[in-house]
Amino acid sequence: MFYDFAKRVIDIIGAIVGLILLSPIFLLAAVVIELESMGPVIYTPLRVGRNGKLFKMYKFRSMKIYRIRGQTVHADEYLKTKAQLFEKYKASGYKLSKDPRLTGIGAFLRKSSIDELPQLVNILKGEMSLVGPRAYLTEELKEQQKVYPATAPLVKTLLKAKPGLTGYWQVSGRSQITFDKRIKMDVEYIKKRSIIYDFNIIIKTIPTLITGKGAV
């Protein structure tokens, strides 16, 4: 299919150019993260990719590293030990406003979406695309479908496409959009997708990143 071939070519070129042009930002972010708090510079959560295949997503670490009973754990594991906060997290669509787990630089990385830039490597590996649906956590997909049961058939359609670094929902409200609406928007993108539509979303992503609108 021409679209799939052209999209892959654009993904590879875009990822290579992005990695080269943004290398100073990568270096600066890595240095600041390393100096500010203990832990790895890159965080690799497991996400659900095309056809339900799990992959390690690369992100700049924006959260603190905790010690529980003598063991070092990431903020995601730490959150599960805080029942009230964890329930709030799930009820808010797996997001927390003013998340207490963020490091000092982490809030800026999230707001500017710089934390997402390492996903250019995922794109080169063929696990993601420049434009596509959100890459969900396994638990998030499972639990949110219980809250919004009507989304179950839509999720099956969503998983037919590679997740994207940006997408229709990201340029239309980002974290302000609830799970059910986000899934519908992702499926709408899959049905309408074309090279022109992808370029349109990429162009719209620029002002979204500059303003940080909807980011958590």
N, C-alpha and C. Protein backbone atom coordinates (compact mmCIF):
# COMPACT_ATOMS: atom_id res chain seq x y z
N MET A 1 0.85 -1.19 0.00
CA MET A 1 0.00 0.00 0.00
C MET A 1 0.88 1.25 0.00
N PHE A 2 0.60 2.17 -0.93
CA PHE A 2 1.44 3.36 -1.07
C PHE A 2 1.52 4.18 0.21
N TYR A 3 0.39 4.35 0.87
CA TYR A 3 0.38 5.16 2.09
C TYR A 3 1.35 4.61 3.14
N ASP A 4 1.29 3.30 3.38
CA ASP A 4 2.16 2.68 4.38
C ASP A 4 3.64 2.86 4.03
N PHE A 5 3.96 2.67 2.74
CA PHE A 5 5.35 2.81 2.30
C PHE A 5 5.82 4.26 2.45
N ALA A 6 5.00 5.21 1.95
CA ALA A 6 5.36 6.63 2.03
C ALA A 6 5.46 7.09 3.48
N LYS A 7 4.56 6.61 4.32
CA LYS A 7 4.58 6.99 5.73
C LYS A 7 5.86 6.51 6.41
N ARG A 8 6.28 5.29 6.07
CA ARG A 8 7.50 4.74 6.68
C ARG A 8 8.73 5.53 6.23
N VAL A 9 8.78 5.90 4.97
CA VAL A 9 9.89 6.70 4.45
C VAL A 9 9.94 8.04 5.17
N ILE A 10 8.79 8.69 5.30
CA ILE A 10 8.71 9.98 5.99
C ILE A 10 9.11 9.84 7.46
N ASP A 11 8.68 8.74 8.09
CA ASP A 11 9.04 8.49 9.49
C ASP A 11 10.56 8.39 9.67
N ILE A 12 11.20 7.64 8.78
CA ILE A 12 12.65 7.44 8.89
C ILE A 12 13.39 8.75 8.67
N ILE A 13 13.02 9.48 7.63
CA ILE A 13 13.67 10.76 7.33
C ILE A 13 13.42 11.75 8.46
N GLY A 14 12.16 11.82 8.91
CA GLY A 14 11.81 12.76 9.99
C GLY A 14 12.53 12.45 11.28
N ALA A 15 12.66 11.16 11.61
CA ALA A 15 13.33 10.77 12.86
C ALA A 15 14.82 11.09 12.80
N ILE A 16 15.46 10.81 11.66
CA ILE A 16 16.89 11.08 11.53
C ILE A 16 17.15 12.58 11.60
N VAL A 17 16.37 13.36 10.86
CA VAL A 17 16.54 14.82 10.86
C VAL A 17 16.27 15.37 12.27
N GLY A 18 15.22 14.86 12.90
CA GLY A 18 14.89 15.31 14.25
C GLY A 18 15.99 15.02 15.25
N LEU A 19 16.55 13.83 15.19
CA LEU A 19 17.62 13.46 16.12
C LEU A 19 18.85 14.33 15.92
N ILE A 20 19.15 14.67 14.67
CA ILE A 20 20.32 15.52 14.39
C ILE A 20 20.08 16.96 14.86
N LEU A 21 18.95 17.54 14.45
CA LEU A 21 18.66 18.94 14.77
C LEU A 21 18.43 19.16 16.27
N LEU A 22 17.86 18.17 16.92
CA LEU A 22 17.52 18.32 18.34
C LEU A 22 18.58 17.76 19.28
N SER A 23 19.70 17.32 18.73
CA SER A 23 20.76 16.73 19.57
C SER A 23 21.23 17.67 20.69
N PRO A 24 21.33 19.01 20.46
CA PRO A 24 21.72 19.88 21.58
C PRO A 24 20.71 19.85 22.73
N ILE A 25 19.42 19.76 22.38
CA ILE A 25 18.37 19.69 23.41
C ILE A 25 18.46 18.36 24.15
N PHE A 26 18.72 17.29 23.41
CA PHE A 26 18.89 15.96 24.02
C PHE A 26 20.03 16.02 25.05
N LEU A 27 21.15 16.59 24.66
CA LEU A 27 22.32 16.65 25.53
C LEU A 27 22.04 17.49 26.77
N LEU A 28 21.44 18.64 26.58
CA LEU A 28 21.13 19.53 27.70
C LEU A 28 20.16 18.87 28.67
N ALA A 29 19.11 18.26 28.13
CA ALA A 29 18.11 17.60 28.98
C ALA A 29 18.76 16.47 29.77
N ALA A 30 19.61 15.69 29.12
CA ALA A 30 20.27 14.57 29.79
C ALA A 30 21.16 15.05 30.94
N VAL A 31 21.90 16.13 30.71
CA VAL A 31 22.80 16.67 31.74
C VAL A 31 22.00 17.17 32.94
N VAL A 32 20.92 17.92 32.68
CA VAL A 32 20.11 18.48 33.77
C VAL A 32 19.45 17.37 34.58
N ILE A 33 18.91 16.37 33.90
CA ILE A 33 18.26 15.24 34.60
C ILE A 33 19.27 14.51 35.48
N GLU A 34 20.43 14.28 34.93
CA GLU A 34 21.49 13.57 35.66
C GLU A 34 21.94 14.34 36.90
N LEU A 35 22.06 15.65 36.77
CA LEU A 35 22.53 16.47 37.88
C LEU A 35 21.47 16.68 38.94
N GLU A 36 20.21 16.70 38.53
CA GLU A 36 19.15 17.07 39.48
C GLU A 36 18.75 15.94 40.42
N SER A 37 18.67 14.72 39.92
CA SER A 37 18.18 13.64 40.77
C SER A 37 18.78 12.31 40.36
N MET A 38 18.80 11.39 41.31
CA MET A 38 19.36 10.06 41.02
C MET A 38 18.43 9.30 40.09
N GLY A 39 19.01 8.36 39.36
CA GLY A 39 18.21 7.53 38.47
C GLY A 39 18.64 7.67 37.02
N PRO A 40 18.12 6.80 36.17
CA PRO A 40 18.48 6.84 34.75
C PRO A 40 17.94 8.08 34.05
N VAL A 41 18.62 8.52 33.01
CA VAL A 41 18.17 9.66 32.22
C VAL A 41 16.96 9.27 31.38
N ILE A 42 17.00 8.06 30.84
CA ILE A 42 15.92 7.57 29.99
C ILE A 42 15.04 6.59 30.76
N TYR A 43 13.73 6.79 30.64
CA TYR A 43 12.73 5.91 31.26
C TYR A 43 12.08 5.10 30.14
N THR A 44 11.89 3.80 30.35
CA THR A 44 11.37 2.95 29.28
C THR A 44 10.13 2.17 29.72
N PRO A 45 8.98 2.83 29.83
CA PRO A 45 7.76 2.11 30.19
C PRO A 45 7.30 1.22 29.04
N LEU A 46 6.65 0.10 29.37
CA LEU A 46 6.09 -0.77 28.35
C LEU A 46 4.77 -0.18 27.86
N ARG A 47 4.62 -0.07 26.56
CA ARG A 47 3.38 0.45 25.97
C ARG A 47 2.83 -0.55 24.96
N VAL A 48 1.54 -0.40 24.67
CA VAL A 48 0.87 -1.28 23.71
C VAL A 48 1.02 -0.69 22.32
N GLY A 49 1.62 -1.47 21.42
CA GLY A 49 1.84 -1.01 20.06
C GLY A 49 0.87 -1.63 19.07
N ARG A 50 1.26 -1.61 17.82
CA ARG A 50 0.43 -2.16 16.74
C ARG A 50 0.15 -3.64 16.97
N ASN A 51 -1.12 -4.03 16.75
CA ASN A 51 -1.57 -5.41 16.93
C ASN A 51 -1.40 -5.89 18.37
N GLY A 52 -1.36 -4.94 19.31
CA GLY A 52 -1.27 -5.29 20.72
C GLY A 52 0.10 -5.71 21.20
N LYS A 53 1.11 -5.58 20.35
CA LYS A 53 2.47 -5.96 20.73
C LYS A 53 3.07 -4.93 21.67
N LEU A 54 3.65 -5.40 22.77
CA LEU A 54 4.26 -4.49 23.75
C LEU A 54 5.65 -4.07 23.28
N PHE A 55 6.00 -2.82 23.57
CA PHE A 55 7.35 -2.34 23.25
C PHE A 55 7.80 -1.35 24.32
N LYS A 56 9.11 -1.17 24.43
CA LYS A 56 9.66 -0.21 25.39
C LYS A 56 9.69 1.18 24.75
N MET A 57 8.93 2.08 25.32
CA MET A 57 8.91 3.45 24.83
C MET A 57 10.02 4.25 25.52
N TYR A 58 10.77 5.01 24.75
CA TYR A 58 11.85 5.82 25.30
C TYR A 58 11.36 7.23 25.65
N LYS A 59 11.62 7.62 26.89
CA LYS A 59 11.24 8.97 27.34
C LYS A 59 12.34 9.50 28.26
N PHE A 60 12.51 10.82 28.27
CA PHE A 60 13.38 11.40 29.29
C PHE A 60 12.66 11.28 30.62
N ARG A 61 13.39 10.83 31.63
CA ARG A 61 12.76 10.68 32.95
C ARG A 61 12.38 12.04 33.52
N SER A 62 11.10 12.18 33.83
CA SER A 62 10.60 13.44 34.38
C SER A 62 10.15 13.28 35.83
N MET A 63 10.26 12.07 36.37
CA MET A 63 9.79 11.81 37.73
C MET A 63 10.90 11.34 38.66
N LYS A 64 10.62 11.44 39.93
CA LYS A 64 11.59 11.06 40.97
C LYS A 64 11.74 9.54 41.04
N ILE A 65 12.85 9.13 41.57
CA ILE A 65 13.09 7.72 41.88
C ILE A 65 12.94 7.56 43.39
N TYR A 66 12.20 6.54 43.83
CA TYR A 66 11.93 6.35 45.25
C TYR A 66 12.58 5.07 45.78
N ARG A 67 12.72 5.04 47.09
CA ARG A 67 13.22 3.82 47.74
C ARG A 67 12.13 3.29 48.66
N ILE A 68 11.73 2.04 48.41
CA ILE A 68 10.70 1.40 49.22
C ILE A 68 11.26 0.10 49.77
N ARG A 69 11.29 0.02 51.08
CA ARG A 69 11.83 -1.18 51.76
C ARG A 69 13.21 -1.56 51.21
N GLY A 70 14.04 -0.53 51.05
CA GLY A 70 15.41 -0.75 50.62
C GLY A 70 15.60 -0.97 49.13
N GLN A 71 14.49 -0.95 48.37
CA GLN A 71 14.58 -1.16 46.93
C GLN A 71 14.28 0.14 46.18
N THR A 72 15.00 0.36 45.08
CA THR A 72 14.78 1.54 44.26
C THR A 72 13.66 1.26 43.26
N VAL A 73 12.65 2.13 43.24
CA VAL A 73 11.51 1.93 42.33
C VAL A 73 11.21 3.24 41.61
N HIS A 74 10.61 3.12 40.43
CA HIS A 74 10.22 4.29 39.67
C HIS A 74 8.93 4.87 40.27
N ALA A 75 8.62 6.09 39.90
CA ALA A 75 7.45 6.79 40.42
C ALA A 75 6.14 6.04 40.16
N ASP A 76 6.06 5.30 39.05
CA ASP A 76 4.84 4.55 38.75
C ASP A 76 4.59 3.47 39.79
N GLU A 77 5.64 2.79 40.21
CA GLU A 77 5.49 1.75 41.23
C GLU A 77 5.22 2.38 42.60
N TYR A 78 5.87 3.51 42.85
CA TYR A 78 5.66 4.23 44.11
C TYR A 78 4.19 4.65 44.25
N LEU A 79 3.59 5.11 43.15
CA LEU A 79 2.21 5.59 43.17
C LEU A 79 1.25 4.49 43.63
N LYS A 80 1.54 3.25 43.27
CA LYS A 80 0.66 2.14 43.63
C LYS A 80 0.66 1.86 45.13
N THR A 81 1.64 2.40 45.84
CA THR A 81 1.68 2.23 47.30
C THR A 81 0.89 3.32 48.01
N LYS A 82 0.43 4.32 47.27
CA LYS A 82 -0.36 5.42 47.82
C LYS A 82 -1.79 5.29 47.31
N ALA A 83 -2.59 4.50 48.04
CA ALA A 83 -3.93 4.10 47.57
C ALA A 83 -4.81 5.27 47.14
N GLN A 84 -4.90 6.31 47.98
CA GLN A 84 -5.79 7.43 47.67
C GLN A 84 -5.34 8.18 46.42
N LEU A 85 -4.04 8.41 46.32
CA LEU A 85 -3.49 9.12 45.17
C LEU A 85 -3.60 8.27 43.89
N PHE A 86 -3.42 6.96 44.05
CA PHE A 86 -3.50 6.06 42.91
C PHE A 86 -4.92 6.01 42.35
N GLU A 87 -5.90 6.02 43.23
CA GLU A 87 -7.30 6.01 42.79
C GLU A 87 -7.64 7.32 42.07
N LYS A 88 -7.10 8.42 42.57
CA LYS A 88 -7.31 9.71 41.93
C LYS A 88 -6.69 9.71 40.54
N TYR A 89 -5.52 9.11 40.45
CA TYR A 89 -4.78 8.99 39.18
C TYR A 89 -5.61 8.22 38.15
N LYS A 90 -6.18 7.09 38.56
CA LYS A 90 -6.98 6.29 37.65
C LYS A 90 -8.28 7.00 37.27
N ALA A 91 -8.90 7.65 38.26
CA ALA A 91 -10.16 8.35 38.01
C ALA A 91 -9.99 9.54 37.08
N SER A 92 -8.77 10.07 37.03
CA SER A 92 -8.48 11.23 36.17
C SER A 92 -7.95 10.82 34.80
N GLY A 93 -8.16 9.54 34.44
CA GLY A 93 -7.70 9.08 33.13
C GLY A 93 -6.22 8.84 33.07
N TYR A 94 -5.65 8.34 34.20
CA TYR A 94 -4.23 8.03 34.30
C TYR A 94 -3.36 9.28 34.10
N LYS A 95 -3.82 10.36 34.70
CA LYS A 95 -3.07 11.61 34.72
C LYS A 95 -3.28 12.27 36.08
N LEU A 96 -2.30 13.04 36.53
CA LEU A 96 -2.44 13.80 37.78
C LEU A 96 -2.07 15.25 37.53
N SER A 97 -2.99 16.14 37.84
CA SER A 97 -2.67 17.56 37.76
C SER A 97 -1.76 17.91 38.92
N LYS A 98 -0.69 18.66 38.65
CA LYS A 98 0.30 19.00 39.68
C LYS A 98 0.83 17.73 40.34
N ASP A 99 1.29 16.83 39.52
CA ASP A 99 1.78 15.53 39.98
C ASP A 99 2.96 15.70 40.94
N PRO A 100 2.82 15.25 42.20
CA PRO A 100 3.89 15.42 43.20
C PRO A 100 5.13 14.59 42.90
N ARG A 101 5.05 13.67 41.96
CA ARG A 101 6.18 12.81 41.64
C ARG A 101 7.17 13.46 40.67
N LEU A 102 6.76 14.56 40.05
CA LEU A 102 7.61 15.22 39.06
C LEU A 102 8.84 15.85 39.72
N THR A 103 9.96 15.77 39.03
CA THR A 103 11.17 16.46 39.49
C THR A 103 11.04 17.94 39.13
N GLY A 104 11.99 18.74 39.56
CA GLY A 104 11.95 20.16 39.23
C GLY A 104 11.95 20.40 37.74
N ILE A 105 12.85 19.74 37.01
CA ILE A 105 12.91 19.90 35.57
C ILE A 105 11.81 19.10 34.88
N GLY A 106 11.30 18.08 35.58
CA GLY A 106 10.29 17.20 34.99
C GLY A 106 9.04 17.92 34.54
N ALA A 107 8.59 18.89 35.34
CA ALA A 107 7.38 19.63 34.99
C ALA A 107 7.57 20.37 33.67
N PHE A 108 8.76 20.95 33.49
CA PHE A 108 9.06 21.66 32.24
C PHE A 108 9.14 20.69 31.07
N LEU A 109 9.79 19.55 31.29
CA LEU A 109 9.91 18.55 30.24
C LEU A 109 8.55 18.07 29.77
N ARG A 110 7.62 17.89 30.72
CA ARG A 110 6.27 17.47 30.39
C ARG A 110 5.51 18.57 29.64
N LYS A 111 5.59 19.77 30.18
CA LYS A 111 4.85 20.90 29.59
C LYS A 111 5.29 21.16 28.15
N SER A 112 6.58 21.05 27.90
CA SER A 112 7.14 21.32 26.57
C SER A 112 7.16 20.08 25.68
N SER A 113 6.84 18.93 26.26
CA SER A 113 6.88 17.63 25.56
C SER A 113 8.29 17.21 25.16
N ILE A 114 9.30 17.84 25.74
CA ILE A 114 10.68 17.44 25.47
C ILE A 114 10.92 16.01 25.96
N ASP A 115 10.18 15.61 27.01
CA ASP A 115 10.34 14.25 27.53
C ASP A 115 9.99 13.18 26.49
N GLU A 116 9.20 13.57 25.47
CA GLU A 116 8.77 12.62 24.44
C GLU A 116 9.78 12.46 23.30
N LEU A 117 10.74 13.35 23.19
CA LEU A 117 11.64 13.36 22.04
C LEU A 117 12.42 12.05 21.81
N PRO A 118 12.84 11.33 22.86
CA PRO A 118 13.55 10.07 22.62
C PRO A 118 12.73 9.05 21.83
N GLN A 119 11.43 9.28 21.70
CA GLN A 119 10.60 8.36 20.92
C GLN A 119 10.95 8.40 19.43
N LEU A 120 11.78 9.36 19.04
CA LEU A 120 12.29 9.36 17.66
C LEU A 120 13.06 8.08 17.39
N VAL A 121 13.68 7.52 18.44
CA VAL A 121 14.38 6.24 18.31
C VAL A 121 13.38 5.11 18.09
N ASN A 122 12.24 5.15 18.80
CA ASN A 122 11.18 4.17 18.59
C ASN A 122 10.67 4.21 17.15
N ILE A 123 10.64 5.42 16.59
CA ILE A 123 10.19 5.58 15.21
C ILE A 123 11.18 4.93 14.25
N LEU A 124 12.46 5.16 14.48
CA LEU A 124 13.49 4.54 13.64
C LEU A 124 13.41 3.01 13.71
N LYS A 125 13.08 2.49 14.88
CA LYS A 125 12.98 1.05 15.07
C LYS A 125 11.71 0.46 14.47
N GLY A 126 10.79 1.32 14.05
CA GLY A 126 9.56 0.86 13.44
C GLY A 126 8.46 0.54 14.43
N GLU A 127 8.65 0.91 15.70
CA GLU A 127 7.65 0.63 16.73
C GLU A 127 6.61 1.73 16.81
N MET A 128 6.97 2.92 16.35
CA MET A 128 6.07 4.07 16.37
C MET A 128 6.15 4.81 15.04
N SER A 129 5.28 5.80 14.92
CA SER A 129 5.27 6.65 13.73
C SER A 129 5.29 8.10 14.19
N LEU A 130 5.61 9.01 13.30
CA LEU A 130 5.56 10.43 13.66
C LEU A 130 4.14 10.82 14.05
N VAL A 131 3.16 10.30 13.32
CA VAL A 131 1.75 10.61 13.59
C VAL A 131 0.98 9.31 13.78
N GLY A 132 0.17 9.26 14.81
CA GLY A 132 -0.62 8.06 15.06
C GLY A 132 -1.40 8.17 16.36
N PRO A 133 -2.08 7.11 16.77
CA PRO A 133 -2.84 7.11 18.03
C PRO A 133 -1.90 7.17 19.23
N ARG A 134 -2.45 7.38 20.40
CA ARG A 134 -1.67 7.37 21.64
C ARG A 134 -1.17 5.95 21.90
N ALA A 135 0.02 5.85 22.48
CA ALA A 135 0.56 4.55 22.91
C ALA A 135 0.15 4.36 24.37
N TYR A 136 -0.75 3.44 24.60
CA TYR A 136 -1.32 3.27 25.94
C TYR A 136 -0.56 2.25 26.79
N LEU A 137 -0.68 2.43 28.10
CA LEU A 137 -0.23 1.42 29.05
C LEU A 137 -1.23 0.27 29.01
N THR A 138 -0.77 -0.96 29.21
CA THR A 138 -1.66 -2.11 29.20
C THR A 138 -2.76 -1.96 30.24
N GLU A 139 -2.37 -1.57 31.45
CA GLU A 139 -3.32 -1.40 32.55
C GLU A 139 -4.33 -0.30 32.24
N GLU A 140 -3.83 0.77 31.62
CA GLU A 140 -4.70 1.89 31.27
C GLU A 140 -5.79 1.45 30.30
N LEU A 141 -5.42 0.73 29.25
CA LEU A 141 -6.40 0.25 28.28
C LEU A 141 -7.43 -0.67 28.94
N LYS A 142 -6.94 -1.56 29.78
CA LYS A 142 -7.82 -2.53 30.44
C LYS A 142 -8.80 -1.84 31.38
N GLU A 143 -8.31 -0.97 32.24
CA GLU A 143 -9.16 -0.33 33.24
C GLU A 143 -10.10 0.70 32.63
N GLN A 144 -9.62 1.46 31.66
CA GLN A 144 -10.46 2.49 31.07
C GLN A 144 -11.59 1.90 30.23
N GLN A 145 -11.38 0.72 29.67
CA GLN A 145 -12.47 0.08 28.93
C GLN A 145 -13.57 -0.39 29.87
N LYS A 146 -13.23 -0.62 31.13
CA LYS A 146 -14.25 -0.96 32.13
C LYS A 146 -15.09 0.28 32.44
N VAL A 147 -14.43 1.42 32.49
CA VAL A 147 -15.13 2.68 32.77
C VAL A 147 -15.98 3.11 31.57
N TYR A 148 -15.41 2.88 30.37
CA TYR A 148 -16.10 3.25 29.12
C TYR A 148 -16.26 2.00 28.26
N PRO A 149 -17.20 1.10 28.59
CA PRO A 149 -17.33 -0.17 27.87
C PRO A 149 -17.61 -0.03 26.38
N ALA A 150 -18.21 1.07 25.98
CA ALA A 150 -18.52 1.28 24.56
C ALA A 150 -17.26 1.44 23.70
N THR A 151 -16.12 1.65 24.35
CA THR A 151 -14.88 1.86 23.59
C THR A 151 -14.21 0.55 23.18
N ALA A 152 -14.67 -0.58 23.71
CA ALA A 152 -14.02 -1.87 23.45
C ALA A 152 -13.83 -2.16 21.96
N PRO A 153 -14.87 -2.05 21.12
CA PRO A 153 -14.65 -2.32 19.68
C PRO A 153 -13.75 -1.28 19.02
N LEU A 154 -13.76 -0.06 19.54
CA LEU A 154 -12.93 1.00 18.97
C LEU A 154 -11.46 0.74 19.26
N VAL A 155 -11.16 0.18 20.43
CA VAL A 155 -9.78 -0.12 20.80
C VAL A 155 -9.19 -1.13 19.82
N LYS A 156 -10.00 -2.09 19.37
CA LYS A 156 -9.52 -3.09 18.40
C LYS A 156 -9.09 -2.41 17.11
N THR A 157 -9.83 -1.39 16.70
CA THR A 157 -9.47 -0.64 15.48
C THR A 157 -8.21 0.17 15.73
N LEU A 158 -8.12 0.80 16.90
CA LEU A 158 -6.97 1.63 17.25
C LEU A 158 -5.67 0.84 17.17
N LEU A 159 -5.70 -0.42 17.61
CA LEU A 159 -4.49 -1.24 17.67
C LEU A 159 -4.03 -1.75 16.30
N LYS A 160 -4.75 -1.38 15.25
CA LYS A 160 -4.34 -1.76 13.90
C LYS A 160 -3.25 -0.81 13.36
N ALA A 161 -3.06 0.32 14.06
CA ALA A 161 -2.08 1.32 13.61
C ALA A 161 -0.95 1.46 14.62
N LYS A 162 0.21 1.91 14.14
CA LYS A 162 1.32 2.21 15.03
C LYS A 162 0.99 3.45 15.85
N PRO A 163 1.35 3.46 17.12
CA PRO A 163 1.15 4.68 17.92
C PRO A 163 2.07 5.78 17.40
N GLY A 164 1.68 7.04 17.67
CA GLY A 164 2.45 8.15 17.13
C GLY A 164 3.09 9.05 18.17
N LEU A 165 4.13 9.74 17.74
CA LEU A 165 4.76 10.76 18.58
C LEU A 165 3.79 11.91 18.79
N THR A 166 3.01 12.21 17.77
CA THR A 166 1.93 13.18 17.87
C THR A 166 0.72 12.58 17.18
N GLY A 167 -0.43 13.22 17.32
CA GLY A 167 -1.65 12.69 16.72
C GLY A 167 -2.80 13.67 16.79
N TYR A 168 -3.93 13.24 16.30
CA TYR A 168 -5.12 14.10 16.23
C TYR A 168 -5.54 14.60 17.61
N TRP A 169 -5.56 13.68 18.60
CA TRP A 169 -6.01 14.10 19.92
C TRP A 169 -5.01 15.02 20.60
N GLN A 170 -3.71 14.84 20.31
CA GLN A 170 -2.68 15.70 20.93
C GLN A 170 -2.82 17.15 20.51
N VAL A 171 -3.27 17.39 19.29
CA VAL A 171 -3.41 18.77 18.81
C VAL A 171 -4.82 19.29 19.05
N SER A 172 -5.61 18.52 19.78
CA SER A 172 -7.00 18.91 20.03
C SER A 172 -7.36 18.93 21.50
N GLY A 173 -6.34 19.12 22.37
CA GLY A 173 -6.63 19.21 23.79
C GLY A 173 -5.71 18.41 24.68
N ARG A 174 -4.97 17.44 24.11
CA ARG A 174 -4.02 16.62 24.86
C ARG A 174 -4.66 16.00 26.10
N SER A 175 -4.13 16.23 27.27
CA SER A 175 -4.59 15.54 28.49
C SER A 175 -5.94 16.03 28.99
N GLN A 176 -6.49 17.07 28.38
CA GLN A 176 -7.80 17.56 28.79
C GLN A 176 -8.93 16.70 28.24
N ILE A 177 -8.61 15.80 27.31
CA ILE A 177 -9.62 14.97 26.66
C ILE A 177 -9.77 13.65 27.40
N THR A 178 -11.01 13.24 27.68
CA THR A 178 -11.26 11.99 28.38
C THR A 178 -10.96 10.79 27.49
N PHE A 179 -10.79 9.62 28.11
CA PHE A 179 -10.40 8.41 27.39
C PHE A 179 -11.34 8.08 26.24
N ASP A 180 -12.66 8.12 26.50
CA ASP A 180 -13.61 7.73 25.46
C ASP A 180 -13.55 8.64 24.25
N LYS A 181 -13.39 9.94 24.50
CA LYS A 181 -13.29 10.89 23.39
C LYS A 181 -11.96 10.71 22.65
N ARG A 182 -10.90 10.43 23.41
CA ARG A 182 -9.59 10.25 22.82
C ARG A 182 -9.58 9.04 21.88
N ILE A 183 -10.20 7.94 22.34
CA ILE A 183 -10.26 6.73 21.52
C ILE A 183 -11.03 7.01 20.23
N LYS A 184 -12.15 7.71 20.34
CA LYS A 184 -12.95 8.03 19.15
C LYS A 184 -12.15 8.89 18.17
N MET A 185 -11.36 9.83 18.71
CA MET A 185 -10.54 10.69 17.86
C MET A 185 -9.43 9.89 17.18
N ASP A 186 -8.83 8.95 17.93
CA ASP A 186 -7.77 8.12 17.35
C ASP A 186 -8.33 7.24 16.22
N VAL A 187 -9.51 6.68 16.43
CA VAL A 187 -10.15 5.84 15.40
C VAL A 187 -10.54 6.69 14.20
N GLU A 188 -11.01 7.91 14.46
CA GLU A 188 -11.35 8.82 13.37
C GLU A 188 -10.12 9.11 12.52
N TYR A 189 -8.97 9.30 13.21
CA TYR A 189 -7.72 9.52 12.48
C TYR A 189 -7.38 8.33 11.59
N ILE A 190 -7.49 7.12 12.15
CA ILE A 190 -7.16 5.90 11.40
C ILE A 190 -8.01 5.78 10.14
N LYS A 191 -9.28 6.14 10.24
CA LYS A 191 -10.19 6.04 9.10
C LYS A 191 -9.90 7.11 8.04
N LYS A 192 -9.41 8.27 8.47
CA LYS A 192 -9.18 9.39 7.55
C LYS A 192 -7.73 9.55 7.12
N ARG A 193 -6.81 8.79 7.70
CA ARG A 193 -5.39 9.05 7.55
C ARG A 193 -4.93 9.08 6.09
N SER A 194 -4.04 10.00 5.85
CA SER A 194 -3.41 10.17 4.55
C SER A 194 -2.12 10.96 4.78
N ILE A 195 -1.26 11.03 3.80
CA ILE A 195 -0.01 11.77 3.95
C ILE A 195 -0.30 13.24 4.20
N ILE A 196 -1.26 13.80 3.48
CA ILE A 196 -1.61 15.22 3.66
C ILE A 196 -2.16 15.46 5.06
N TYR A 197 -3.02 14.54 5.53
CA TYR A 197 -3.61 14.66 6.86
C TYR A 197 -2.51 14.58 7.92
N ASP A 198 -1.54 13.68 7.73
CA ASP A 198 -0.42 13.55 8.67
C ASP A 198 0.39 14.85 8.74
N PHE A 199 0.68 15.43 7.58
CA PHE A 199 1.44 16.69 7.56
C PHE A 199 0.66 17.80 8.25
N ASN A 200 -0.64 17.81 8.07
CA ASN A 200 -1.49 18.82 8.71
C ASN A 200 -1.40 18.71 10.23
N ILE A 201 -1.41 17.48 10.75
CA ILE A 201 -1.30 17.26 12.20
C ILE A 201 0.08 17.69 12.71
N ILE A 202 1.13 17.37 11.93
CA ILE A 202 2.49 17.77 12.33
C ILE A 202 2.60 19.28 12.42
N ILE A 203 2.02 20.00 11.46
CA ILE A 203 2.05 21.46 11.46
C ILE A 203 1.30 22.01 12.67
N LYS A 204 0.15 21.40 13.00
CA LYS A 204 -0.65 21.85 14.14
C LYS A 204 0.03 21.54 15.47
N THR A 205 0.95 20.56 15.46
CA THR A 205 1.65 20.18 16.68
C THR A 205 2.57 21.29 17.17
N ILE A 206 3.15 22.05 16.24
CA ILE A 206 4.12 23.09 16.60
C ILE A 206 3.55 24.13 17.57
N PRO A 207 2.41 24.78 17.27
CA PRO A 207 1.86 25.75 18.25
C PRO A 207 1.41 25.08 19.55
N THR A 208 0.99 23.81 19.46
CA THR A 208 0.58 23.09 20.67
C THR A 208 1.76 22.92 21.61
N LEU A 209 2.92 22.61 21.05
CA LEU A 209 4.14 22.44 21.87
C LEU A 209 4.60 23.78 22.44
N ILE A 210 4.51 24.82 21.64
CA ILE A 210 4.96 26.15 22.09
C ILE A 210 4.13 26.67 23.26
N THR A 211 2.80 26.47 23.16
CA THR A 211 1.91 26.98 24.22
C THR A 211 1.81 26.02 25.41
N GLY A 212 2.08 24.71 25.14
CA GLY A 212 1.95 23.71 26.22
C GLY A 212 0.52 23.48 26.63
N LYS A 213 -0.43 23.88 25.81
CA LYS A 213 -1.84 23.77 26.13
C LYS A 213 -2.25 22.32 26.31
N GLY A 214 -2.92 22.03 27.43
CA GLY A 214 -3.46 20.70 27.70
C GLY A 214 -2.48 19.71 28.27
N ALA A 215 -1.21 20.13 28.44
CA ALA A 215 -0.21 19.20 28.96
C ALA A 215 -0.34 19.03 30.46
N VAL A 216 -0.06 17.79 30.94
CA VAL A 216 -0.06 17.51 32.38
C VAL A 216 1.26 16.84 32.74
